[in-house]
Amino acid sequence: MVKRFKVRIWITGLVIALGALLVWLDPRGPQDISIDPEAQAQEPGHVLENAEITLFGDNGNVLQSLKTPRLIHTPQRSETWTEEPEAVLYDSEDRQWLASADVGTLNTITQALLLSGSARLIAPDEGWQLDTELLHYDGLTQHAWSETPVLLQQPPQQMTASRMDAWLNSSQVRLTDNVRGTHPPATQP
């Protein structure tokens, strides 16, 4: 009887030891994993459909507004990715400039907007339109530029260049490098 009891204790101890070993080796069991702050900074905080955002200046004036069918905001980087953005940019005289593209990225702290893929900037008051593949915009200085080939049109005139700068506050555009244009003569009715 004592021998049976010792065997039972020994078997019970062996089963408990094997169970503990299996729990310790189980990869699905609880594990302490530290959070990678860099990976966490890449995670979006908000995903919005049919969104509109407005950025205001220090004095409360609207500097930019942006409409998009899809917006993904990553708060750790203060970065907002937009699909097919349509932006309204305001200069110091509250004139509106229209900008659009296939994709946009907005830094909400620096108010820097990057439009890529069929980027377009329109000056409705002046009647001109600028097309390029990559358009940068600094919302704090109201300066737009492109370092990719551009097409500037004010029908029937059009000009191409390798680089462009536009200052919204002074309504100035500068085309640089390999500038070519078509300026048909004015016709009398």
C-alpha atoms as a PDB file:
ATOM      1  CA  MET A   1       0.000   0.000   0.000  1.00  0.00           C
ATOM      2  CA  VAL A   2       2.816   2.418   0.828  1.00  0.00           C
ATOM      3  CA  LYS A   3       4.549   1.429  -2.383  1.00  0.00           C
ATOM      4  CA  ARG A   4       1.373   2.189  -4.398  1.00  0.00           C
ATOM      5  CA  PHE A   5       1.039   5.519  -2.641  1.00  0.00           C
ATOM      6  CA  LYS A   6       4.659   6.474  -3.502  1.00  0.00           C
ATOM      7  CA  VAL A   7       4.094   5.507  -7.152  1.00  0.00           C
ATOM      8  CA  ARG A   8       0.944   7.663  -7.277  1.00  0.00           C
ATOM      9  CA  ILE A   9       2.778  10.652  -5.785  1.00  0.00           C
ATOM     10  CA  TRP A  10       5.677  10.104  -8.152  1.00  0.00           C
ATOM     11  CA  ILE A  11       3.314   9.906 -11.212  1.00  0.00           C
ATOM     12  CA  THR A  12       1.352  12.954 -10.012  1.00  0.00           C
ATOM     13  CA  GLY A  13       4.575  14.912  -9.583  1.00  0.00           C
ATOM     14  CA  LEU A  14       5.750  13.821 -13.028  1.00  0.00           C
ATOM     15  CA  VAL A  15       2.436  14.915 -14.640  1.00  0.00           C
ATOM     16  CA  ILE A  16       2.598  18.304 -12.875  1.00  0.00           C
ATOM     17  CA  ALA A  17       6.243  18.784 -13.908  1.00  0.00           C
ATOM     18  CA  LEU A  18       5.446  17.867 -17.535  1.00  0.00           C
ATOM     19  CA  GLY A  19       2.427  20.225 -17.519  1.00  0.00           C
ATOM     20  CA  ALA A  20       4.558  23.070 -16.166  1.00  0.00           C
ATOM     21  CA  LEU A  21       7.215  22.343 -18.801  1.00  0.00           C
ATOM     22  CA  LEU A  22       4.591  22.413 -21.586  1.00  0.00           C
ATOM     23  CA  VAL A  23       3.139  25.711 -20.327  1.00  0.00           C
ATOM     24  CA  TRP A  24       6.616  27.207 -20.173  1.00  0.00           C
ATOM     25  CA  LEU A  25       7.424  26.024 -23.745  1.00  0.00           C
ATOM     26  CA  ASP A  26       4.027  26.937 -25.279  1.00  0.00           C
ATOM     27  CA  PRO A  27       4.582  29.785 -27.805  1.00  0.00           C
ATOM     28  CA  ARG A  28       0.925  30.813 -27.510  1.00  0.00           C
ATOM     29  CA  GLY A  29       1.230  31.454 -23.817  1.00  0.00           C
ATOM     30  CA  PRO A  30       1.523  34.889 -22.234  1.00  0.00           C
ATOM     31  CA  GLN A  31       4.677  36.694 -23.283  1.00  0.00           C
ATOM     32  CA  ASP A  32       6.190  39.976 -22.267  1.00  0.00           C
ATOM     33  CA  ILE A  33       6.654  41.983 -25.472  1.00  0.00           C
ATOM     34  CA  SER A  34       7.885  45.527 -25.283  1.00  0.00           C
ATOM     35  CA  ILE A  35       6.182  48.069 -27.550  1.00  0.00           C
ATOM     36  CA  ASP A  36       8.414  49.461 -30.282  1.00  0.00           C
ATOM     37  CA  PRO A  37       7.834  53.247 -30.205  1.00  0.00           C
ATOM     38  CA  GLU A  38       8.991  53.651 -33.816  1.00  0.00           C
ATOM     39  CA  ALA A  39       6.527  51.037 -35.033  1.00  0.00           C
ATOM     40  CA  GLN A  40       3.782  52.603 -32.922  1.00  0.00           C
ATOM     41  CA  ALA A  41       4.497  55.989 -34.538  1.00  0.00           C
ATOM     42  CA  GLN A  42       3.684  54.433 -37.916  1.00  0.00           C
ATOM     43  CA  GLU A  43       0.209  53.333 -36.817  1.00  0.00           C
ATOM     44  CA  PRO A  44      -2.682  55.536 -37.906  1.00  0.00           C
ATOM     45  CA  GLY A  45      -4.770  57.110 -35.191  1.00  0.00           C
ATOM     46  CA  HIS A  46      -7.771  58.026 -37.345  1.00  0.00           C
ATOM     47  CA  VAL A  47      -9.188  56.800 -40.648  1.00  0.00           C
ATOM     48  CA  LEU A  48     -12.009  58.971 -41.971  1.00  0.00           C
ATOM     49  CA  GLU A  49     -14.245  58.737 -45.027  1.00  0.00           C
ATOM     50  CA  ASN A  50     -15.498  61.896 -46.801  1.00  0.00           C
ATOM     51  CA  ALA A  51     -13.488  64.178 -44.538  1.00  0.00           C
ATOM     52  CA  GLU A  52     -12.895  67.910 -44.544  1.00  0.00           C
ATOM     53  CA  ILE A  53     -10.217  69.556 -42.436  1.00  0.00           C
ATOM     54  CA  THR A  54      -9.407  73.231 -41.973  1.00  0.00           C
ATOM     55  CA  LEU A  55      -6.120  74.701 -40.744  1.00  0.00           C
ATOM     56  CA  PHE A  56      -6.157  78.099 -39.060  1.00  0.00           C
ATOM     57  CA  GLY A  57      -3.323  80.590 -38.604  1.00  0.00           C
ATOM     58  CA  ASP A  58      -2.223  82.187 -35.346  1.00  0.00           C
ATOM     59  CA  ASN A  59      -4.648  85.083 -35.877  1.00  0.00           C
ATOM     60  CA  GLY A  60      -7.612  82.754 -36.502  1.00  0.00           C
ATOM     61  CA  ASN A  61      -7.748  83.199 -40.290  1.00  0.00           C
ATOM     62  CA  VAL A  62      -8.279  80.114 -42.436  1.00  0.00           C
ATOM     63  CA  LEU A  63      -5.012  79.163 -44.166  1.00  0.00           C
ATOM     64  CA  GLN A  64      -6.027  75.884 -45.818  1.00  0.00           C
ATOM     65  CA  SER A  65      -9.022  73.634 -46.138  1.00  0.00           C
ATOM     66  CA  LEU A  66      -8.931  70.140 -47.551  1.00  0.00           C
ATOM     67  CA  LYS A  67     -11.664  67.761 -48.719  1.00  0.00           C
ATOM     68  CA  THR A  68     -10.965  64.109 -49.390  1.00  0.00           C
ATOM     69  CA  PRO A  69     -12.891  60.869 -49.788  1.00  0.00           C
ATOM     70  CA  ARG A  70     -10.369  59.092 -47.504  1.00  0.00           C
ATOM     71  CA  LEU A  71      -8.083  60.481 -44.814  1.00  0.00           C
ATOM     72  CA  ILE A  72      -5.592  58.612 -42.617  1.00  0.00           C
ATOM     73  CA  HIS A  73      -4.068  60.599 -39.736  1.00  0.00           C
ATOM     74  CA  THR A  74      -0.994  59.486 -37.776  1.00  0.00           C
ATOM     75  CA  PRO A  75      -0.924  61.713 -34.666  1.00  0.00           C
ATOM     76  CA  GLN A  76       2.557  60.668 -33.455  1.00  0.00           C
ATOM     77  CA  ARG A  77       4.041  62.122 -36.670  1.00  0.00           C
ATOM     78  CA  SER A  78       1.437  64.910 -37.117  1.00  0.00           C
ATOM     79  CA  GLU A  79       0.957  63.565 -40.629  1.00  0.00           C
ATOM     80  CA  THR A  80      -2.249  63.177 -42.601  1.00  0.00           C
ATOM     81  CA  TRP A  81      -2.433  61.122 -45.799  1.00  0.00           C
ATOM     82  CA  THR A  82      -5.282  61.909 -48.182  1.00  0.00           C
ATOM     83  CA  GLU A  83      -6.707  60.274 -51.273  1.00  0.00           C
ATOM     84  CA  GLU A  84      -7.772  62.556 -54.165  1.00  0.00           C
ATOM     85  CA  PRO A  85      -7.456  65.734 -52.069  1.00  0.00           C
ATOM     86  CA  GLU A  86      -9.096  68.985 -53.114  1.00  0.00           C
ATOM     87  CA  ALA A  87      -7.512  71.866 -51.251  1.00  0.00           C
ATOM     88  CA  VAL A  88      -8.423  75.528 -50.995  1.00  0.00           C
ATOM     89  CA  LEU A  89      -5.368  77.614 -50.131  1.00  0.00           C
ATOM     90  CA  TYR A  90      -5.785  81.176 -48.853  1.00  0.00           C
ATOM     91  CA  ASP A  91      -3.276  83.992 -49.310  1.00  0.00           C
ATOM     92  CA  SER A  92      -2.802  87.094 -47.134  1.00  0.00           C
ATOM     93  CA  GLU A  93      -5.683  88.865 -48.940  1.00  0.00           C
ATOM     94  CA  ASP A  94      -8.034  85.865 -48.431  1.00  0.00           C
ATOM     95  CA  ARG A  95      -7.987  85.043 -52.157  1.00  0.00           C
ATOM     96  CA  GLN A  96      -8.636  81.366 -52.837  1.00  0.00           C
ATOM     97  CA  TRP A  97      -6.266  79.142 -54.794  1.00  0.00           C
ATOM     98  CA  LEU A  98      -7.424  75.645 -55.728  1.00  0.00           C
ATOM     99  CA  ALA A  99      -5.144  72.611 -55.564  1.00  0.00           C
ATOM    100  CA  SER A 100      -5.796  68.936 -56.292  1.00  0.00           C
ATOM    101  CA  ALA A 101      -3.933  65.675 -56.913  1.00  0.00           C
ATOM    102  CA  ASP A 102      -4.217  61.889 -56.764  1.00  0.00           C
ATOM    103  CA  VAL A 103      -2.602  61.714 -53.294  1.00  0.00           C
ATOM    104  CA  GLY A 104      -1.728  64.289 -50.656  1.00  0.00           C
ATOM    105  CA  THR A 105       0.263  64.388 -47.433  1.00  0.00           C
ATOM    106  CA  LEU A 106      -0.288  67.167 -44.905  1.00  0.00           C
ATOM    107  CA  ASN A 107       1.897  67.932 -41.898  1.00  0.00           C
ATOM    108  CA  THR A 108      -0.521  69.552 -39.451  1.00  0.00           C
ATOM    109  CA  ILE A 109       2.239  71.261 -37.432  1.00  0.00           C
ATOM    110  CA  THR A 110       4.281  72.829 -40.253  1.00  0.00           C
ATOM    111  CA  GLN A 111       1.218  73.118 -42.551  1.00  0.00           C
ATOM    112  CA  ALA A 112       3.303  71.646 -45.370  1.00  0.00           C
ATOM    113  CA  LEU A 113       1.193  70.022 -48.071  1.00  0.00           C
ATOM    114  CA  LEU A 114       2.663  67.633 -50.633  1.00  0.00           C
ATOM    115  CA  LEU A 115       0.462  66.793 -53.621  1.00  0.00           C
ATOM    116  CA  SER A 116       1.546  64.005 -55.946  1.00  0.00           C
ATOM    117  CA  GLY A 117       0.178  62.427 -59.097  1.00  0.00           C
ATOM    118  CA  SER A 118      -1.530  64.811 -61.541  1.00  0.00           C
ATOM    119  CA  ALA A 119      -1.073  67.741 -59.153  1.00  0.00           C
ATOM    120  CA  ARG A 120      -2.833  70.946 -60.187  1.00  0.00           C
ATOM    121  CA  LEU A 121      -2.808  74.505 -58.854  1.00  0.00           C
ATOM    122  CA  ILE A 122      -5.405  76.960 -60.157  1.00  0.00           C
ATOM    123  CA  ALA A 123      -5.491  80.724 -59.640  1.00  0.00           C
ATOM    124  CA  PRO A 124      -9.140  81.526 -60.379  1.00  0.00           C
ATOM    125  CA  ASP A 125      -8.692  85.318 -60.091  1.00  0.00           C
ATOM    126  CA  GLU A 126      -5.768  85.328 -62.546  1.00  0.00           C
ATOM    127  CA  GLY A 127      -7.184  82.626 -64.843  1.00  0.00           C
ATOM    128  CA  TRP A 128      -4.129  80.378 -64.953  1.00  0.00           C
ATOM    129  CA  GLN A 129      -3.606  76.706 -64.188  1.00  0.00           C
ATOM    130  CA  LEU A 130      -0.426  74.843 -63.355  1.00  0.00           C
ATOM    131  CA  ASP A 131      -0.014  71.071 -63.812  1.00  0.00           C
ATOM    132  CA  THR A 132       2.858  68.952 -62.478  1.00  0.00           C
ATOM    133  CA  GLU A 133       3.462  65.539 -60.918  1.00  0.00           C
ATOM    134  CA  LEU A 134       4.716  66.740 -57.522  1.00  0.00           C
ATOM    135  CA  LEU A 135       3.629  70.020 -55.926  1.00  0.00           C
ATOM    136  CA  HIS A 136       4.941  71.257 -52.567  1.00  0.00           C
ATOM    137  CA  TYR A 137       3.112  73.926 -50.574  1.00  0.00           C
ATOM    138  CA  ASP A 138       4.288  75.726 -47.430  1.00  0.00           C
ATOM    139  CA  GLY A 139       1.132  76.948 -45.686  1.00  0.00           C
ATOM    140  CA  LEU A 140       3.035  79.254 -43.331  1.00  0.00           C
ATOM    141  CA  THR A 141       4.659  81.295 -46.135  1.00  0.00           C
ATOM    142  CA  GLN A 142       2.007  80.637 -48.844  1.00  0.00           C
ATOM    143  CA  HIS A 143       4.750  79.428 -51.209  1.00  0.00           C
ATOM    144  CA  ALA A 144       4.146  76.614 -53.732  1.00  0.00           C
ATOM    145  CA  TRP A 145       6.878  74.976 -55.799  1.00  0.00           C
ATOM    146  CA  SER A 146       7.647  72.027 -57.992  1.00  0.00           C
ATOM    147  CA  GLU A 147      10.973  70.524 -58.931  1.00  0.00           C
ATOM    148  CA  THR A 148       9.373  68.301 -61.586  1.00  0.00           C
ATOM    149  CA  PRO A 149       8.354  69.442 -65.093  1.00  0.00           C
ATOM    150  CA  VAL A 150       5.427  71.864 -65.083  1.00  0.00           C
ATOM    151  CA  LEU A 151       2.864  73.133 -67.577  1.00  0.00           C
ATOM    152  CA  LEU A 152       1.490  76.636 -66.977  1.00  0.00           C
ATOM    153  CA  GLN A 153      -1.607  77.533 -68.981  1.00  0.00           C
ATOM    154  CA  GLN A 154      -3.633  80.675 -69.407  1.00  0.00           C
ATOM    155  CA  PRO A 155      -5.489  79.914 -72.637  1.00  0.00           C
ATOM    156  CA  PRO A 156      -4.517  80.363 -75.376  1.00  0.00           C
ATOM    157  CA  GLN A 157      -1.018  80.708 -73.888  1.00  0.00           C
ATOM    158  CA  GLN A 158       0.970  77.867 -72.365  1.00  0.00           C
ATOM    159  CA  MET A 159       4.485  77.429 -71.021  1.00  0.00           C
ATOM    160  CA  THR A 160       6.548  74.482 -69.837  1.00  0.00           C
ATOM    161  CA  ALA A 161       9.558  74.451 -67.511  1.00  0.00           C
ATOM    162  CA  SER A 162      11.628  72.092 -65.396  1.00  0.00           C
ATOM    163  CA  ARG A 163      10.920  73.928 -62.138  1.00  0.00           C
ATOM    164  CA  MET A 164       8.368  76.403 -60.773  1.00  0.00           C
ATOM    165  CA  ASP A 165       7.864  78.674 -57.776  1.00  0.00           C
ATOM    166  CA  ALA A 166       4.607  80.494 -56.957  1.00  0.00           C
ATOM    167  CA  TRP A 167       4.149  83.017 -54.156  1.00  0.00           C
ATOM    168  CA  LEU A 168       0.435  83.306 -53.455  1.00  0.00           C
ATOM    169  CA  ASN A 169       0.641  86.521 -51.404  1.00  0.00           C
ATOM    170  CA  SER A 170       2.204  88.483 -54.274  1.00  0.00           C
ATOM    171  CA  SER A 171       0.596  86.506 -57.167  1.00  0.00           C
ATOM    172  CA  GLN A 172       4.031  85.835 -58.656  1.00  0.00           C
ATOM    173  CA  VAL A 173       5.079  82.735 -60.602  1.00  0.00           C
ATOM    174  CA  ARG A 174       8.644  81.971 -61.635  1.00  0.00           C
ATOM    175  CA  LEU A 175       9.459  79.265 -64.175  1.00  0.00           C
ATOM    176  CA  THR A 176      13.052  78.020 -64.192  1.00  0.00           C
ATOM    177  CA  ASP A 177      15.186  75.828 -66.485  1.00  0.00           C
ATOM    178  CA  ASN A 178      14.235  74.804 -69.996  1.00  0.00           C
ATOM    179  CA  VAL A 179      11.354  77.290 -70.218  1.00  0.00           C
ATOM    180  CA  ARG A 180       9.387  77.062 -73.462  1.00  0.00           C
ATOM    181  CA  GLY A 181       6.117  78.674 -74.367  1.00  0.00           C
ATOM    182  CA  THR A 182       3.444  79.263 -76.955  1.00  0.00           C
ATOM    183  CA  HIS A 183       1.995  82.757 -77.099  1.00  0.00           C
ATOM    184  CA  PRO A 184      -0.374  83.097 -80.060  1.00  0.00           C
ATOM    185  CA  PRO A 185      -0.931  86.646 -81.284  1.00  0.00           C
ATOM    186  CA  ALA A 186      -4.126  88.330 -80.223  1.00  0.00           C
ATOM    187  CA  THR A 187      -6.823  88.090 -82.866  1.00  0.00           C
ATOM    188  CA  GLN A 188      -9.221  90.892 -83.696  1.00  0.00           C
ATOM    189  CA  PRO A 189     -12.910  89.916 -83.779  1.00  0.00           C
END
